[in-house]
Amino acid sequence: MSSLVIETPAVFEPLLRPSRYKGVHGGRGSGKSHFFAELAVETMISSKADIVCLREIQKSLKFSVKKLIEGKIESMNAGAYFEVQNEQIRSKAGGVCIFQGMQDHTSDSIKSLEGFKVAWFEEAQSASQRSLDLLRPTIRAPGSELWFSWNPSKATDPIDALLRGEEPPPDSVVVEANYMDNPWLPAELLAEMEYDRGRDPEKYAHIWLGQYQTNSEARVFRNWTIEEFERPPGTVFRFGADWGFSIDPSVLVRCSIDQHRLYVDHEAYMVGCEINNLPDLFMSVPEAEKWPITADSARPETISYMRKHGFPRIMSAVKGARSLEEGVEFLRGFDVVVHPRCKHLIDELTMYSYKTDPLTGAVVPILEDKNNHVIDSLRYACEGARRAGKVRKTQEPVRRMISTRTVSTGWMGA
């Protein structure tokens, strides 16, 4: 038989190498389930491998990935390698692919999987801690692998804590994949994405970009949309910068104000950016060298460096009591329109939130100090407009002075 050729999106290339843990998280249309289905077919053709495909709850085979794998066998013209049965798929190499729900397993029944080469946990955002604790030590054959695909829900979910936490297990490869990584995204799915992106940014960020769901009551920004646009000639642009290095990003953002609307059309974003690379990062934003830039005042030496390296109009932001809160409230007063290329700002507008009372869950009026690097840059960019508006607001056209004099005949001599 001739060799099968499987065309694979570049985002999944790191997962083609042997690894104990393989994970793909992301939104709808990314092709993550299709990738693992193809990898399962390839694995069973290439070796005598037993594979178990899992979900947390599986009431029947119609809720499993069996039909997806069958479709891959057909589309890859690989039917000669397999025997598709009612409840399982057998390979001519001697392996078997079965489909189960983890909630059906006990500490005793899970032992039936000990010899399996691969366990693929689909919709792993639903995986309980109990299920992961049962599964991980069970799949222990030499060279065995654990695959996980999921659309994230919360950072505290067991699968996210395991593979996206501070200490993921050794020999783990985890990638993020979304619809823009799928070269074969169907036109119908693209239309659905465009609809959600324009109508419901929070839904778009979770469903299509694979961002964590947020507590909508705690969310800081609500009046924002994602649209493709071009600003007209003569637009006054505003630039803001925030500094980072090891784990925080360095950011430059470009925006413009048109009455009640705030348009954001460009961002530059890099984690671990050395100071000598900052000029190149900033130059990726059109016309950044021509306009004033308001930057975080915490790094005066960086501001001085940037002045000497192509950005003579950069200046420090003015910080003071409640400047953070006032800056955020100023931004909240606009209908914010974000260009889809500003994906980090989209992430932050979705995630930025007020703190909640850990005992009652009630939202409290204190801003969380996270998911805010591009938003901080946006605050700095709009600082001049905010202060100008504040000055105008305090200049009252009529001043009333209260007199302390007493007049025996009454007020106004009446």
Protein backbone atom coordinates (compact mmCIF):
# COMPACT_ATOMS: atom_id res chain seq x y z
CA MET A 1 0.00 0.00 0.00
CA SER A 2 1.16 3.54 -0.68
CA SER A 3 1.95 5.86 2.22
CA LEU A 4 -0.78 8.09 3.59
CA VAL A 5 -0.09 11.82 3.53
CA ILE A 6 -1.76 13.86 6.29
CA GLU A 7 -1.69 17.61 5.81
CA THR A 8 -1.43 19.23 9.23
CA PRO A 9 -1.89 22.90 10.27
CA ALA A 10 1.39 24.40 11.50
CA VAL A 11 -0.01 25.11 14.98
CA PHE A 12 -0.13 21.37 15.72
CA GLU A 13 3.43 20.56 14.60
CA PRO A 14 4.86 20.46 18.18
CA LEU A 15 2.41 17.66 18.99
CA LEU A 16 3.74 15.35 16.30
CA ARG A 17 6.76 14.47 18.44
CA PRO A 18 6.44 11.84 21.20
CA SER A 19 5.39 13.39 24.52
CA ARG A 20 3.81 12.02 27.67
CA TYR A 21 1.21 14.82 27.77
CA LYS A 22 -0.23 16.48 24.67
CA GLY A 23 -2.80 19.23 25.03
CA VAL A 24 -4.66 21.60 22.74
CA HIS A 25 -6.89 24.32 24.16
CA GLY A 26 -8.75 26.91 22.16
CA GLY A 27 -12.01 27.96 20.61
CA ARG A 28 -14.48 26.59 18.12
CA GLY A 29 -13.30 25.93 14.58
CA SER A 30 -9.67 25.39 15.54
CA GLY A 31 -9.58 21.82 14.25
CA LYS A 32 -8.19 20.44 17.52
CA SER A 33 -10.55 17.44 17.60
CA HIS A 34 -9.85 16.75 13.92
CA PHE A 35 -6.11 16.80 14.61
CA PHE A 36 -6.31 14.24 17.42
CA ALA A 37 -8.67 12.06 15.36
CA GLU A 38 -6.12 12.01 12.53
CA LEU A 39 -3.33 11.34 15.01
CA ALA A 40 -5.30 8.39 16.38
CA VAL A 41 -5.71 6.96 12.87
CA GLU A 42 -2.01 7.45 12.16
CA THR A 43 -0.98 5.85 15.47
CA MET A 44 -3.11 2.76 14.88
CA ILE A 45 -1.81 2.33 11.33
CA SER A 46 1.84 2.75 12.35
CA SER A 47 1.83 0.48 15.42
CA LYS A 48 -0.13 -2.09 17.40
CA ALA A 49 -1.60 0.57 19.63
CA ASP A 50 -4.68 0.41 21.84
CA ILE A 51 -6.43 3.78 22.22
CA VAL A 52 -9.20 4.80 24.59
CA CYS A 53 -11.22 7.91 23.74
CA LEU A 54 -12.78 9.45 26.83
CA ARG A 55 -15.27 12.04 27.94
CA GLU A 56 -16.24 12.83 31.51
CA ILE A 57 -19.79 11.63 30.85
CA GLN A 58 -20.75 9.48 27.86
CA LYS A 59 -24.31 8.25 27.79
CA SER A 60 -23.99 6.60 24.37
CA LEU A 61 -21.58 6.17 21.47
CA LYS A 62 -23.31 8.97 19.54
CA PHE A 63 -21.77 11.43 22.02
CA SER A 64 -18.27 10.04 21.44
CA VAL A 65 -15.63 10.85 18.82
CA LYS A 66 -16.17 7.46 17.15
CA LYS A 67 -18.03 8.99 14.21
CA LEU A 68 -15.30 11.60 13.78
CA ILE A 69 -12.59 8.92 13.63
CA GLU A 70 -14.68 6.88 11.20
CA GLY A 71 -14.95 9.96 9.00
CA LYS A 72 -11.19 10.41 9.08
CA ILE A 73 -10.61 6.79 8.09
CA GLU A 74 -12.92 7.32 5.12
CA SER A 75 -11.53 10.71 4.03
CA MET A 76 -7.95 9.42 4.28
CA ASN A 77 -8.82 6.32 2.20
CA ALA A 78 -7.51 4.22 5.09
CA GLY A 79 -10.37 1.74 5.23
CA ALA A 80 -8.04 -1.13 4.29
CA TYR A 81 -6.23 -0.67 7.61
CA PHE A 82 -9.32 -0.92 9.85
CA GLU A 83 -12.40 -2.89 10.77
CA VAL A 84 -15.11 -0.56 12.06
CA GLN A 85 -17.40 -2.40 14.47
CA ASN A 86 -20.52 -1.29 16.33
CA GLU A 87 -18.79 -0.26 19.56
CA GLN A 88 -15.09 -0.14 18.66
CA ILE A 89 -12.63 0.21 15.82
CA ARG A 90 -9.97 -2.45 15.23
CA SER A 91 -6.79 -1.98 13.24
CA LYS A 92 -5.21 -4.58 10.98
CA ALA A 93 -2.02 -4.01 13.01
CA GLY A 94 -3.76 -5.58 16.01
CA GLY A 95 -4.81 -2.52 18.00
CA VAL A 96 -8.23 -1.41 19.15
CA CYS A 97 -9.88 1.98 19.73
CA ILE A 98 -12.64 2.08 22.36
CA PHE A 99 -14.92 4.85 23.68
CA GLN A 100 -15.81 5.36 27.34
CA GLY A 101 -16.98 7.84 29.98
CA MET A 102 -14.70 8.45 32.95
CA GLN A 103 -17.59 8.78 35.40
CA ASP A 104 -18.44 5.15 34.73
CA HIS A 105 -15.05 4.03 36.06
CA THR A 106 -14.07 3.04 39.57
CA SER A 107 -10.60 2.53 40.96
CA ASP A 108 -10.98 -1.14 40.06
CA SER A 109 -12.57 -0.87 36.60
CA ILE A 110 -9.99 1.68 35.40
CA LYS A 111 -7.35 -1.04 35.64
CA SER A 112 -8.71 -2.49 32.40
CA LEU A 113 -6.94 0.37 30.59
CA GLU A 114 -3.48 -0.26 32.01
CA GLY A 115 -2.05 -1.68 28.78
CA PHE A 116 -3.37 1.08 26.52
CA LYS A 117 -0.87 3.16 24.57
CA VAL A 118 -2.99 6.34 24.30
CA ALA A 119 -5.85 7.96 26.21
CA TRP A 120 -7.53 10.88 24.47
CA PHE A 121 -9.74 12.98 26.76
CA GLU A 122 -12.08 15.08 24.59
CA GLU A 123 -13.96 18.09 26.06
CA ALA A 124 -11.47 17.96 28.91
CA GLN A 125 -12.76 21.20 30.46
CA SER A 126 -15.39 18.90 32.01
CA ALA A 127 -12.81 16.50 33.47
CA SER A 128 -13.12 16.18 37.24
CA GLN A 129 -10.10 16.02 39.52
CA ARG A 130 -11.15 12.48 40.41
CA SER A 131 -11.08 11.44 36.76
CA LEU A 132 -7.60 12.88 36.17
CA ASP A 133 -6.31 11.25 39.35
CA LEU A 134 -7.65 7.88 38.17
CA LEU A 135 -6.48 8.18 34.59
CA ARG A 136 -2.92 9.49 34.86
CA PRO A 137 -1.32 6.58 36.73
CA THR A 138 -3.41 4.01 34.82
CA ILE A 139 -2.02 4.83 31.35
CA ARG A 140 1.51 3.75 32.15
CA ALA A 141 2.72 1.44 29.38
CA PRO A 142 6.22 2.34 28.07
CA GLY A 143 5.92 5.28 25.69
CA SER A 144 2.24 5.80 26.52
CA GLU A 145 0.65 9.21 25.97
CA LEU A 146 -2.21 11.27 27.41
CA TRP A 147 -3.98 13.59 24.97
CA PHE A 148 -6.34 16.39 26.03
CA SER A 149 -8.44 18.74 23.90
CA TRP A 150 -10.69 21.39 25.41
CA ASN A 151 -12.33 24.79 25.18
CA PRO A 152 -11.30 26.49 28.45
CA SER A 153 -13.96 27.48 30.95
CA LYS A 154 -12.16 28.59 34.13
CA ALA A 155 -8.50 28.81 35.11
CA THR A 156 -9.31 26.75 38.19
CA ASP A 157 -10.66 23.78 36.21
CA PRO A 158 -8.56 20.66 36.90
CA ILE A 159 -7.27 20.33 33.32
CA ASP A 160 -6.16 23.98 33.23
CA ALA A 161 -4.53 23.69 36.64
CA LEU A 162 -2.69 20.59 35.41
CA LEU A 163 -1.48 21.66 31.97
CA ARG A 164 -1.63 25.47 32.13
CA GLY A 165 -0.73 26.01 35.77
CA GLU A 166 2.57 27.16 37.21
CA GLU A 167 4.09 23.66 37.24
CA PRO A 168 2.84 21.49 34.37
CA PRO A 169 4.02 17.87 34.44
CA PRO A 170 7.33 16.99 32.78
CA ASP A 171 7.34 16.01 29.11
CA SER A 172 4.18 17.96 28.34
CA VAL A 173 3.49 19.91 25.15
CA VAL A 174 0.48 22.24 25.16
CA VAL A 175 -0.56 24.54 22.31
CA GLU A 176 -3.34 27.06 21.80
CA ALA A 177 -5.32 26.77 18.57
CA ASN A 178 -8.18 28.93 17.34
CA TYR A 179 -10.17 29.39 14.15
CA MET A 180 -7.48 31.58 12.56
CA ASP A 181 -5.07 28.62 12.77
CA ASN A 182 -7.38 26.44 10.67
CA PRO A 183 -6.66 26.78 6.94
CA TRP A 184 -9.79 24.76 6.12
CA LEU A 185 -12.31 26.69 8.24
CA PRO A 186 -15.69 26.26 6.50
CA ALA A 187 -17.34 29.41 5.18
CA GLU A 188 -20.44 28.68 7.26
CA LEU A 189 -18.39 28.59 10.46
CA LEU A 190 -16.58 31.77 9.47
CA ALA A 191 -19.93 33.52 9.06
CA GLU A 192 -21.02 32.35 12.52
CA MET A 193 -17.78 33.69 13.99
CA GLU A 194 -18.21 37.08 12.29
CA TYR A 195 -21.75 37.33 13.64
CA ASP A 196 -20.68 36.64 17.23
CA ARG A 197 -17.66 38.93 16.96
CA GLY A 198 -19.79 41.93 16.04
CA ARG A 199 -22.78 41.18 18.26
CA ASP A 200 -21.38 39.66 21.45
CA PRO A 201 -17.65 40.24 22.13
CA GLU A 202 -17.73 38.29 25.39
CA LYS A 203 -19.21 35.25 23.69
CA TYR A 204 -16.77 35.64 20.79
CA ALA A 205 -13.78 35.74 23.15
CA HIS A 206 -14.87 32.59 24.98
CA ILE A 207 -16.33 30.49 22.18
CA TRP A 208 -14.03 31.46 19.32
CA LEU A 209 -10.81 32.61 21.02
CA GLY A 210 -10.89 30.05 23.81
CA GLN A 211 -10.68 32.62 26.60
CA TYR A 212 -11.89 31.84 30.09
CA GLN A 213 -15.46 32.66 30.94
CA THR A 214 -15.89 35.70 33.14
CA ASN A 215 -18.25 36.77 35.89
CA SER A 216 -20.30 39.24 33.86
CA GLU A 217 -21.30 41.20 36.96
CA ALA A 218 -17.64 41.77 37.85
CA ARG A 219 -16.60 42.71 34.32
CA VAL A 220 -15.28 46.29 34.09
CA PHE A 221 -15.92 46.96 30.40
CA ARG A 222 -19.25 46.23 28.74
CA ASN A 223 -19.72 48.84 25.99
CA TRP A 224 -17.23 47.56 23.44
CA THR A 225 -17.37 45.89 20.07
CA ILE A 226 -14.97 44.33 17.58
CA GLU A 227 -15.06 45.83 14.09
CA GLU A 228 -12.77 46.22 11.11
CA PHE A 229 -12.33 49.92 10.34
CA GLU A 230 -9.94 52.49 8.94
CA ARG A 231 -9.65 55.94 10.50
CA PRO A 232 -10.02 58.85 8.04
CA PRO A 233 -7.23 61.25 7.05
CA GLY A 234 -6.68 63.99 9.60
CA THR A 235 -7.43 61.72 12.58
CA VAL A 236 -5.69 62.74 15.81
CA PHE A 237 -4.02 59.61 17.14
CA ARG A 238 -3.16 58.97 20.77
CA PHE A 239 -0.44 56.54 21.87
CA GLY A 240 0.13 54.93 25.25
CA ALA A 241 2.89 52.59 26.47
CA ASP A 242 3.32 50.21 29.39
CA TRP A 243 6.62 48.57 30.33
CA GLY A 244 7.25 44.94 31.15
CA PHE A 245 10.10 42.47 31.00
CA SER A 246 10.27 38.96 32.44
CA ILE A 247 6.62 37.90 32.72
CA ASP A 248 4.78 41.16 31.99
CA PRO A 249 4.52 42.46 28.41
CA SER A 250 5.79 45.72 27.01
CA VAL A 251 2.89 47.33 25.17
CA LEU A 252 2.21 50.18 22.78
CA VAL A 253 -1.36 50.98 21.74
CA ARG A 254 -2.79 53.46 19.23
CA CYS A 255 -6.26 54.93 19.56
CA SER A 256 -8.39 57.92 18.54
CA ILE A 257 -11.43 59.64 20.00
CA ASP A 258 -14.49 60.61 17.97
CA GLN A 259 -17.13 62.12 20.24
CA HIS A 260 -18.49 59.24 22.37
CA ARG A 261 -16.47 56.55 20.57
CA LEU A 262 -12.93 55.38 21.31
CA TYR A 263 -11.32 53.57 18.37
CA VAL A 264 -8.34 51.27 18.98
CA ASP A 265 -6.71 50.09 15.77
CA HIS A 266 -3.14 48.95 16.59
CA GLU A 267 -1.23 47.29 19.41
CA ALA A 268 2.33 46.04 19.89
CA TYR A 269 2.81 43.42 22.61
CA MET A 270 5.86 41.42 23.67
CA VAL A 271 6.80 39.55 26.85
CA GLY A 272 10.48 39.58 27.79
CA CYS A 273 11.33 42.47 25.49
CA GLU A 274 14.87 43.75 26.11
CA ILE A 275 15.25 47.54 26.15
CA ASN A 276 17.30 47.52 22.94
CA ASN A 277 14.40 45.75 21.15
CA LEU A 278 11.77 48.26 22.26
CA PRO A 279 12.29 50.68 19.32
CA ASP A 280 11.60 47.89 16.82
CA LEU A 281 8.54 46.82 18.80
CA PHE A 282 7.17 50.38 18.80
CA MET A 283 7.90 50.84 15.10
CA SER A 284 5.47 48.00 14.36
CA VAL A 285 2.66 50.45 15.20
CA PRO A 286 2.13 52.89 12.29
CA GLU A 287 3.34 56.47 12.83
CA ALA A 288 4.41 55.83 16.42
CA GLU A 289 7.56 57.90 15.89
CA LYS A 290 5.54 60.95 14.76
CA TRP A 291 3.03 61.36 17.58
CA PRO A 292 3.29 62.01 21.33
CA ILE A 293 3.41 58.83 23.41
CA THR A 294 2.35 58.83 27.06
CA ALA A 295 4.19 56.08 28.93
CA ASP A 296 4.18 54.52 32.36
CA SER A 297 6.30 56.79 34.57
CA ALA A 298 7.71 53.89 36.61
CA ARG A 299 10.64 53.48 34.20
CA PRO A 300 12.15 56.95 33.53
CA GLU A 301 15.37 55.39 32.23
CA THR A 302 13.39 53.52 29.57
CA ILE A 303 11.58 56.70 28.54
CA SER A 304 14.95 58.48 28.25
CA TYR A 305 16.29 55.62 26.12
CA MET A 306 13.31 55.75 23.78
CA ARG A 307 13.67 59.52 23.33
CA LYS A 308 17.21 58.93 22.08
CA HIS A 309 16.20 56.09 19.79
CA GLY A 310 13.59 57.50 17.47
CA PHE A 311 10.71 58.57 19.73
CA PRO A 312 11.49 62.15 20.79
CA ARG A 313 7.87 62.92 21.78
CA ILE A 314 7.50 60.22 24.42
CA MET A 315 6.59 61.53 27.89
CA SER A 316 5.78 60.22 31.36
CA ALA A 317 2.22 59.69 32.51
CA VAL A 318 1.14 61.79 35.48
CA LYS A 319 0.18 59.52 38.35
CA GLY A 320 -1.59 60.50 41.52
CA ALA A 321 -4.25 59.48 43.99
CA ARG A 322 -7.05 57.63 42.17
CA SER A 323 -5.45 58.13 38.74
CA LEU A 324 -6.06 54.44 38.01
CA GLU A 325 -9.72 54.53 38.97
CA GLU A 326 -10.35 57.86 37.23
CA GLY A 327 -8.59 56.65 34.09
CA VAL A 328 -10.66 53.48 33.95
CA GLU A 329 -13.89 55.41 34.53
CA PHE A 330 -12.94 57.76 31.70
CA LEU A 331 -12.52 54.80 29.33
CA ARG A 332 -15.81 53.30 30.52
CA GLY A 333 -17.56 56.46 29.36
CA PHE A 334 -16.86 55.59 25.71
CA ASP A 335 -18.24 53.05 23.30
CA VAL A 336 -14.94 51.30 22.60
CA VAL A 337 -14.44 49.95 19.07
CA VAL A 338 -11.55 47.49 18.77
CA HIS A 339 -9.96 46.31 15.53
CA PRO A 340 -9.76 42.48 15.47
CA ARG A 341 -5.97 42.59 15.06
CA CYS A 342 -5.75 43.94 18.64
CA LYS A 343 -6.25 40.47 20.09
CA HIS A 344 -4.52 41.15 23.42
CA LEU A 345 -6.80 44.11 24.12
CA ILE A 346 -9.78 41.92 23.25
CA ASP A 347 -8.54 39.38 25.79
CA GLU A 348 -8.17 42.03 28.48
CA LEU A 349 -11.50 43.76 27.87
CA THR A 350 -13.09 40.35 28.29
CA MET A 351 -11.16 39.41 31.45
CA TYR A 352 -10.57 42.71 33.31
CA SER A 353 -12.79 42.71 36.38
CA TYR A 354 -13.52 44.04 39.82
CA LYS A 355 -12.67 41.94 42.86
CA THR A 356 -15.30 39.80 44.51
CA ASP A 357 -15.83 39.14 48.19
CA PRO A 358 -14.35 35.66 48.81
CA LEU A 359 -17.03 34.89 51.39
CA THR A 360 -20.17 36.14 49.66
CA GLY A 361 -19.16 36.35 46.00
CA ALA A 362 -20.43 39.94 45.86
CA VAL A 363 -18.62 42.31 43.53
CA VAL A 364 -16.64 45.01 45.35
CA PRO A 365 -15.46 48.33 43.81
CA ILE A 366 -11.76 47.39 43.73
CA LEU A 367 -10.02 46.71 40.41
CA GLU A 368 -8.14 43.42 40.00
CA ASP A 369 -4.48 44.04 39.20
CA LYS A 370 -4.30 41.58 36.30
CA ASN A 371 -5.37 41.35 32.66
CA ASN A 372 -4.69 45.06 32.35
CA HIS A 373 -1.41 45.76 30.50
CA VAL A 374 -2.99 46.95 27.24
CA ILE A 375 -5.75 48.67 29.21
CA ASP A 376 -3.09 50.55 31.21
CA SER A 377 -1.53 51.65 27.92
CA LEU A 378 -4.95 52.80 26.75
CA ARG A 379 -5.39 54.80 29.96
CA TYR A 380 -2.06 56.53 29.37
CA ALA A 381 -2.95 57.25 25.75
CA CYS A 382 -6.16 59.00 26.83
CA GLU A 383 -4.66 60.76 29.84
CA GLY A 384 -4.37 64.13 28.08
CA ALA A 385 -7.99 64.03 26.94
CA ARG A 386 -9.14 63.02 30.41
CA ARG A 387 -7.25 65.84 32.12
CA ALA A 388 -8.39 68.40 29.56
CA GLY A 389 -12.00 67.37 30.13
CA LYS A 390 -11.51 67.52 33.88
CA VAL A 391 -10.17 71.09 33.68
CA ARG A 392 -13.06 72.21 31.48
CA LYS A 393 -15.53 70.61 33.83
CA THR A 394 -14.22 72.53 36.83
CA GLN A 395 -14.38 75.93 35.06
CA GLU A 396 -17.96 76.86 35.98
CA PRO A 397 -19.44 79.72 33.92
CA VAL A 398 -21.27 81.19 36.94
CA ARG A 399 -19.94 81.37 40.47
CA ARG A 400 -22.20 82.07 43.42
CA MET A 401 -20.74 83.71 46.53
CA ILE A 402 -22.58 83.41 49.83
CA SER A 403 -22.75 86.70 51.71
CA THR A 404 -22.37 86.82 55.48
CA ARG A 405 -23.79 90.32 55.81
CA THR A 406 -27.09 90.88 57.60
CA VAL A 407 -29.67 93.40 56.40
CA SER A 408 -32.42 94.53 58.74
CA THR A 409 -34.93 95.10 55.94
CA GLY A 410 -34.50 91.57 54.57
CA TRP A 411 -33.06 90.04 51.43
CA MET A 412 -32.68 92.40 48.42
CA GLY A 413 -34.11 95.18 50.54
CA ALA A 414 -37.61 93.74 50.34
